[in-house]
Amino acid sequence: DLRSLGLLKSHPRKMVRDTALYPPFLTKKGNSHRLSFLVKERLGRNIQQEARYHGCMEDAVASLDLYLSDWEKWEKMTACSPLMHTHTSKCNLTNAS
């Protein structure tokens, strides 16, 4: 998505937020959901529909909207575990909602 926005080289790596690594957006087994599923479930809208053109800009906007829908909790979790593979037990996320 950063590539489609022309930000891949200029955007600092530490500022990247990946919906495929954010624990609240993962399946119970820790796998990532399809972007279209997350957007439908979390934002109540449809993207990547077969009947119309599906573009990378649509995905980029949807990813940003997902981030914005939960940014406070996401940032608190990122501070606890910058790689976002797992969050550490010493980080209290209950007040981030």
N, C-alpha and C. Protein backbone atom coordinates (compact mmCIF):
# COMPACT_ATOMS: atom_id res chain seq x y z
N ASP A 1 0.82 -1.20 0.00
CA ASP A 1 0.00 0.00 0.00
C ASP A 1 0.86 1.27 0.00
N LEU A 2 1.97 1.22 0.70
CA LEU A 2 2.88 2.37 0.67
C LEU A 2 3.44 2.58 -0.73
N ARG A 3 3.68 1.49 -1.44
CA ARG A 3 4.18 1.59 -2.81
C ARG A 3 3.15 2.30 -3.69
N SER A 4 1.89 1.95 -3.54
CA SER A 4 0.85 2.55 -4.38
C SER A 4 0.68 4.05 -4.10
N LEU A 5 1.02 4.46 -2.90
CA LEU A 5 0.93 5.88 -2.54
C LEU A 5 2.23 6.63 -2.79
N GLY A 6 3.25 5.91 -3.28
CA GLY A 6 4.54 6.54 -3.55
C GLY A 6 5.33 6.85 -2.29
N LEU A 7 5.08 6.12 -1.22
CA LEU A 7 5.73 6.41 0.07
C LEU A 7 6.68 5.31 0.53
N LEU A 8 6.89 4.30 -0.27
CA LEU A 8 7.66 3.14 0.18
C LEU A 8 9.06 3.52 0.63
N LYS A 9 9.75 4.36 -0.13
CA LYS A 9 11.13 4.73 0.21
C LYS A 9 11.21 5.84 1.25
N SER A 10 10.22 6.71 1.28
CA SER A 10 10.30 7.86 2.18
C SER A 10 9.64 7.65 3.54
N HIS A 11 8.78 6.66 3.67
CA HIS A 11 8.07 6.44 4.93
C HIS A 11 8.96 5.67 5.91
N PRO A 12 9.21 6.20 7.11
CA PRO A 12 10.07 5.50 8.08
C PRO A 12 9.50 4.13 8.46
N ARG A 13 10.33 3.13 8.44
CA ARG A 13 9.91 1.76 8.75
C ARG A 13 9.22 1.66 10.11
N LYS A 14 9.72 2.40 11.09
CA LYS A 14 9.13 2.33 12.44
C LYS A 14 7.72 2.91 12.49
N MET A 15 7.31 3.60 11.45
CA MET A 15 5.97 4.17 11.40
C MET A 15 4.98 3.31 10.61
N VAL A 16 5.43 2.19 10.07
CA VAL A 16 4.56 1.29 9.30
C VAL A 16 3.64 0.55 10.25
N ARG A 17 2.37 0.49 9.91
CA ARG A 17 1.38 -0.29 10.67
C ARG A 17 0.74 -1.27 9.70
N ASP A 18 0.93 -2.55 9.95
CA ASP A 18 0.50 -3.60 9.03
C ASP A 18 -0.72 -4.33 9.59
N THR A 19 -1.83 -4.29 8.88
CA THR A 19 -3.05 -4.96 9.34
C THR A 19 -2.85 -6.46 9.44
N ALA A 20 -1.88 -7.01 8.72
CA ALA A 20 -1.62 -8.46 8.76
C ALA A 20 -0.83 -8.87 10.00
N LEU A 21 -0.34 -7.89 10.78
CA LEU A 21 0.43 -8.20 11.99
C LEU A 21 -0.23 -7.70 13.26
N TYR A 22 -1.32 -6.98 13.15
CA TYR A 22 -1.98 -6.39 14.32
C TYR A 22 -2.85 -7.44 14.99
N PRO A 23 -2.49 -7.88 16.21
CA PRO A 23 -3.19 -8.99 16.86
C PRO A 23 -4.73 -8.90 16.89
N PRO A 24 -5.35 -7.76 17.18
CA PRO A 24 -6.81 -7.74 17.17
C PRO A 24 -7.44 -8.00 15.79
N PHE A 25 -6.66 -7.89 14.74
CA PHE A 25 -7.17 -8.14 13.39
C PHE A 25 -6.87 -9.55 12.90
N LEU A 26 -6.23 -10.38 13.72
CA LEU A 26 -5.84 -11.73 13.31
C LEU A 26 -6.91 -12.75 13.70
N THR A 27 -6.83 -13.91 13.05
CA THR A 27 -7.73 -15.01 13.40
C THR A 27 -7.32 -15.57 14.77
N LYS A 28 -8.13 -16.44 15.31
CA LYS A 28 -7.80 -17.06 16.59
C LYS A 28 -6.51 -17.88 16.52
N LYS A 29 -6.18 -18.35 15.32
CA LYS A 29 -4.93 -19.11 15.15
C LYS A 29 -3.74 -18.21 14.84
N GLY A 30 -3.96 -16.90 14.79
CA GLY A 30 -2.87 -15.97 14.55
C GLY A 30 -2.59 -15.65 13.09
N ASN A 31 -3.47 -16.09 12.21
CA ASN A 31 -3.31 -15.80 10.79
C ASN A 31 -4.00 -14.49 10.44
N SER A 32 -3.59 -13.90 9.34
CA SER A 32 -4.22 -12.65 8.93
C SER A 32 -5.49 -12.92 8.12
N HIS A 33 -6.44 -12.01 8.26
CA HIS A 33 -7.67 -12.04 7.46
C HIS A 33 -7.41 -11.32 6.15
N ARG A 34 -8.25 -11.58 5.17
CA ARG A 34 -8.21 -10.79 3.94
C ARG A 34 -8.62 -9.37 4.28
N LEU A 35 -8.03 -8.42 3.58
CA LEU A 35 -8.35 -7.01 3.80
C LEU A 35 -9.84 -6.75 3.61
N SER A 36 -10.43 -7.36 2.57
CA SER A 36 -11.86 -7.15 2.31
C SER A 36 -12.72 -7.63 3.48
N PHE A 37 -12.32 -8.73 4.13
CA PHE A 37 -13.06 -9.23 5.29
C PHE A 37 -12.96 -8.25 6.45
N LEU A 38 -11.75 -7.78 6.74
CA LEU A 38 -11.56 -6.83 7.84
C LEU A 38 -12.36 -5.55 7.64
N VAL A 39 -12.34 -5.03 6.43
CA VAL A 39 -13.06 -3.79 6.15
C VAL A 39 -14.56 -4.00 6.29
N LYS A 40 -15.07 -5.11 5.82
CA LYS A 40 -16.50 -5.40 5.96
C LYS A 40 -16.87 -5.58 7.43
N GLU A 41 -16.06 -6.35 8.17
CA GLU A 41 -16.35 -6.65 9.57
C GLU A 41 -16.19 -5.42 10.47
N ARG A 42 -15.13 -4.67 10.27
CA ARG A 42 -14.80 -3.55 11.17
C ARG A 42 -15.41 -2.22 10.75
N LEU A 43 -15.54 -2.00 9.44
CA LEU A 43 -16.00 -0.70 8.96
C LEU A 43 -17.37 -0.75 8.29
N GLY A 44 -17.86 -1.96 8.03
CA GLY A 44 -19.18 -2.12 7.44
C GLY A 44 -19.29 -1.71 5.98
N ARG A 45 -18.18 -1.79 5.25
CA ARG A 45 -18.25 -1.45 3.82
C ARG A 45 -17.55 -2.51 2.99
N ASN A 46 -17.90 -2.55 1.74
CA ASN A 46 -17.35 -3.54 0.82
C ASN A 46 -16.25 -2.94 -0.04
N ILE A 47 -15.16 -3.69 -0.18
CA ILE A 47 -14.09 -3.31 -1.11
C ILE A 47 -13.74 -4.54 -1.93
N GLN A 48 -12.96 -4.35 -2.96
CA GLN A 48 -12.47 -5.44 -3.80
C GLN A 48 -13.61 -6.29 -4.37
N GLN A 49 -14.68 -5.65 -4.75
CA GLN A 49 -15.82 -6.39 -5.30
C GLN A 49 -15.51 -6.82 -6.72
N GLU A 50 -15.93 -8.03 -7.08
CA GLU A 50 -15.64 -8.60 -8.39
C GLU A 50 -16.23 -7.81 -9.53
N ALA A 51 -17.36 -7.20 -9.33
CA ALA A 51 -18.06 -6.51 -10.41
C ALA A 51 -17.43 -5.18 -10.79
N ARG A 52 -16.48 -4.70 -10.00
CA ARG A 52 -15.86 -3.42 -10.33
C ARG A 52 -14.35 -3.51 -10.18
N TYR A 53 -13.68 -2.52 -10.70
CA TYR A 53 -12.23 -2.49 -10.66
C TYR A 53 -11.73 -2.46 -9.23
N HIS A 54 -10.74 -3.29 -8.95
CA HIS A 54 -10.11 -3.33 -7.62
C HIS A 54 -8.70 -2.79 -7.78
N GLY A 55 -8.42 -1.68 -7.10
CA GLY A 55 -7.11 -1.07 -7.24
C GLY A 55 -6.37 -0.95 -5.93
N CYS A 56 -5.08 -0.74 -6.06
CA CYS A 56 -4.22 -0.63 -4.88
C CYS A 56 -4.54 0.62 -4.07
N MET A 57 -5.04 1.66 -4.71
CA MET A 57 -5.42 2.87 -3.96
C MET A 57 -6.59 2.57 -3.03
N GLU A 58 -7.54 1.78 -3.50
CA GLU A 58 -8.67 1.38 -2.66
C GLU A 58 -8.17 0.61 -1.43
N ASP A 59 -7.22 -0.28 -1.64
CA ASP A 59 -6.64 -1.05 -0.53
C ASP A 59 -5.91 -0.14 0.45
N ALA A 60 -5.17 0.82 -0.08
CA ALA A 60 -4.41 1.75 0.77
C ALA A 60 -5.35 2.58 1.63
N VAL A 61 -6.41 3.08 1.05
CA VAL A 61 -7.38 3.88 1.81
C VAL A 61 -8.07 3.01 2.85
N ALA A 62 -8.43 1.80 2.48
CA ALA A 62 -9.08 0.88 3.42
C ALA A 62 -8.16 0.54 4.59
N SER A 63 -6.88 0.31 4.29
CA SER A 63 -5.91 0.00 5.35
C SER A 63 -5.75 1.17 6.30
N LEU A 64 -5.69 2.37 5.75
CA LEU A 64 -5.58 3.56 6.59
C LEU A 64 -6.83 3.72 7.45
N ASP A 65 -7.99 3.48 6.88
CA ASP A 65 -9.23 3.59 7.65
C ASP A 65 -9.29 2.55 8.77
N LEU A 66 -8.79 1.35 8.52
CA LEU A 66 -8.72 0.34 9.58
C LEU A 66 -7.81 0.80 10.70
N TYR A 67 -6.67 1.33 10.34
CA TYR A 67 -5.75 1.85 11.36
C TYR A 67 -6.43 2.95 12.18
N LEU A 68 -7.05 3.89 11.50
CA LEU A 68 -7.70 5.01 12.19
C LEU A 68 -8.84 4.55 13.10
N SER A 69 -9.46 3.43 12.76
CA SER A 69 -10.57 2.93 13.57
C SER A 69 -10.12 2.42 14.93
N ASP A 70 -8.83 2.16 15.10
CA ASP A 70 -8.33 1.58 16.35
C ASP A 70 -6.94 2.11 16.70
N TRP A 71 -6.64 3.32 16.26
CA TRP A 71 -5.27 3.84 16.35
C TRP A 71 -4.73 3.98 17.76
N GLU A 72 -5.56 4.36 18.73
CA GLU A 72 -5.04 4.54 20.09
C GLU A 72 -4.54 3.22 20.67
N LYS A 73 -5.34 2.19 20.56
CA LYS A 73 -4.94 0.87 21.06
C LYS A 73 -3.75 0.34 20.26
N TRP A 74 -3.77 0.55 18.95
CA TRP A 74 -2.69 0.10 18.09
C TRP A 74 -1.36 0.73 18.50
N GLU A 75 -1.37 2.03 18.73
CA GLU A 75 -0.13 2.73 19.11
C GLU A 75 0.37 2.27 20.48
N LYS A 76 -0.54 2.04 21.40
CA LYS A 76 -0.12 1.56 22.71
C LYS A 76 0.50 0.17 22.57
N MET A 77 -0.10 -0.67 21.75
CA MET A 77 0.43 -2.01 21.54
C MET A 77 1.77 -1.96 20.82
N THR A 78 1.91 -1.06 19.88
CA THR A 78 3.17 -0.91 19.14
C THR A 78 4.28 -0.48 20.08
N ALA A 79 3.98 0.37 21.03
CA ALA A 79 4.98 0.80 22.01
C ALA A 79 5.45 -0.37 22.87
N CYS A 80 4.57 -1.33 23.09
CA CYS A 80 4.92 -2.50 23.90
C CYS A 80 5.70 -3.54 23.10
N SER A 81 5.39 -3.66 21.83
CA SER A 81 6.04 -4.66 20.98
C SER A 81 6.16 -4.10 19.57
N PRO A 82 7.25 -3.40 19.29
CA PRO A 82 7.40 -2.73 18.00
C PRO A 82 7.25 -3.62 16.78
N LEU A 83 7.55 -4.89 16.89
CA LEU A 83 7.43 -5.77 15.73
C LEU A 83 6.00 -6.26 15.51
N MET A 84 5.15 -6.09 16.50
CA MET A 84 3.74 -6.47 16.43
C MET A 84 3.51 -7.96 16.18
N HIS A 85 4.50 -8.80 16.41
CA HIS A 85 4.28 -10.23 16.25
C HIS A 85 3.52 -10.78 17.46
N THR A 86 3.85 -10.26 18.63
CA THR A 86 3.14 -10.63 19.85
C THR A 86 3.20 -9.42 20.77
N HIS A 87 2.28 -9.32 21.67
CA HIS A 87 2.41 -8.24 22.65
C HIS A 87 2.86 -8.84 23.98
N THR A 88 3.60 -8.07 24.70
CA THR A 88 4.16 -8.57 25.95
C THR A 88 3.14 -8.45 27.07
N SER A 89 3.22 -9.37 28.01
CA SER A 89 2.26 -9.38 29.12
C SER A 89 2.42 -8.19 30.04
N LYS A 90 3.58 -7.54 30.04
CA LYS A 90 3.77 -6.40 30.94
C LYS A 90 3.10 -5.13 30.44
N CYS A 91 2.54 -5.15 29.25
CA CYS A 91 1.85 -3.98 28.72
C CYS A 91 0.36 -4.10 29.00
N ASN A 92 -0.20 -3.10 29.63
CA ASN A 92 -1.61 -3.09 29.95
C ASN A 92 -2.38 -2.40 28.83
N LEU A 93 -3.19 -3.16 28.10
CA LEU A 93 -3.93 -2.61 26.97
C LEU A 93 -5.40 -2.36 27.32
N THR A 94 -5.80 -2.65 28.52
CA THR A 94 -7.22 -2.54 28.87
C THR A 94 -7.71 -1.11 28.85
N ASN A 95 -6.86 -0.13 29.11
CA ASN A 95 -7.29 1.27 29.12
C ASN A 95 -7.16 1.95 27.78
N ALA A 96 -6.77 1.23 26.75
CA ALA A 96 -6.53 1.83 25.44
C ALA A 96 -7.79 1.93 24.60
N SER A 97 -8.86 1.30 24.99
CA SER A 97 -10.06 1.29 24.16
C SER A 97 -10.76 2.63 24.12
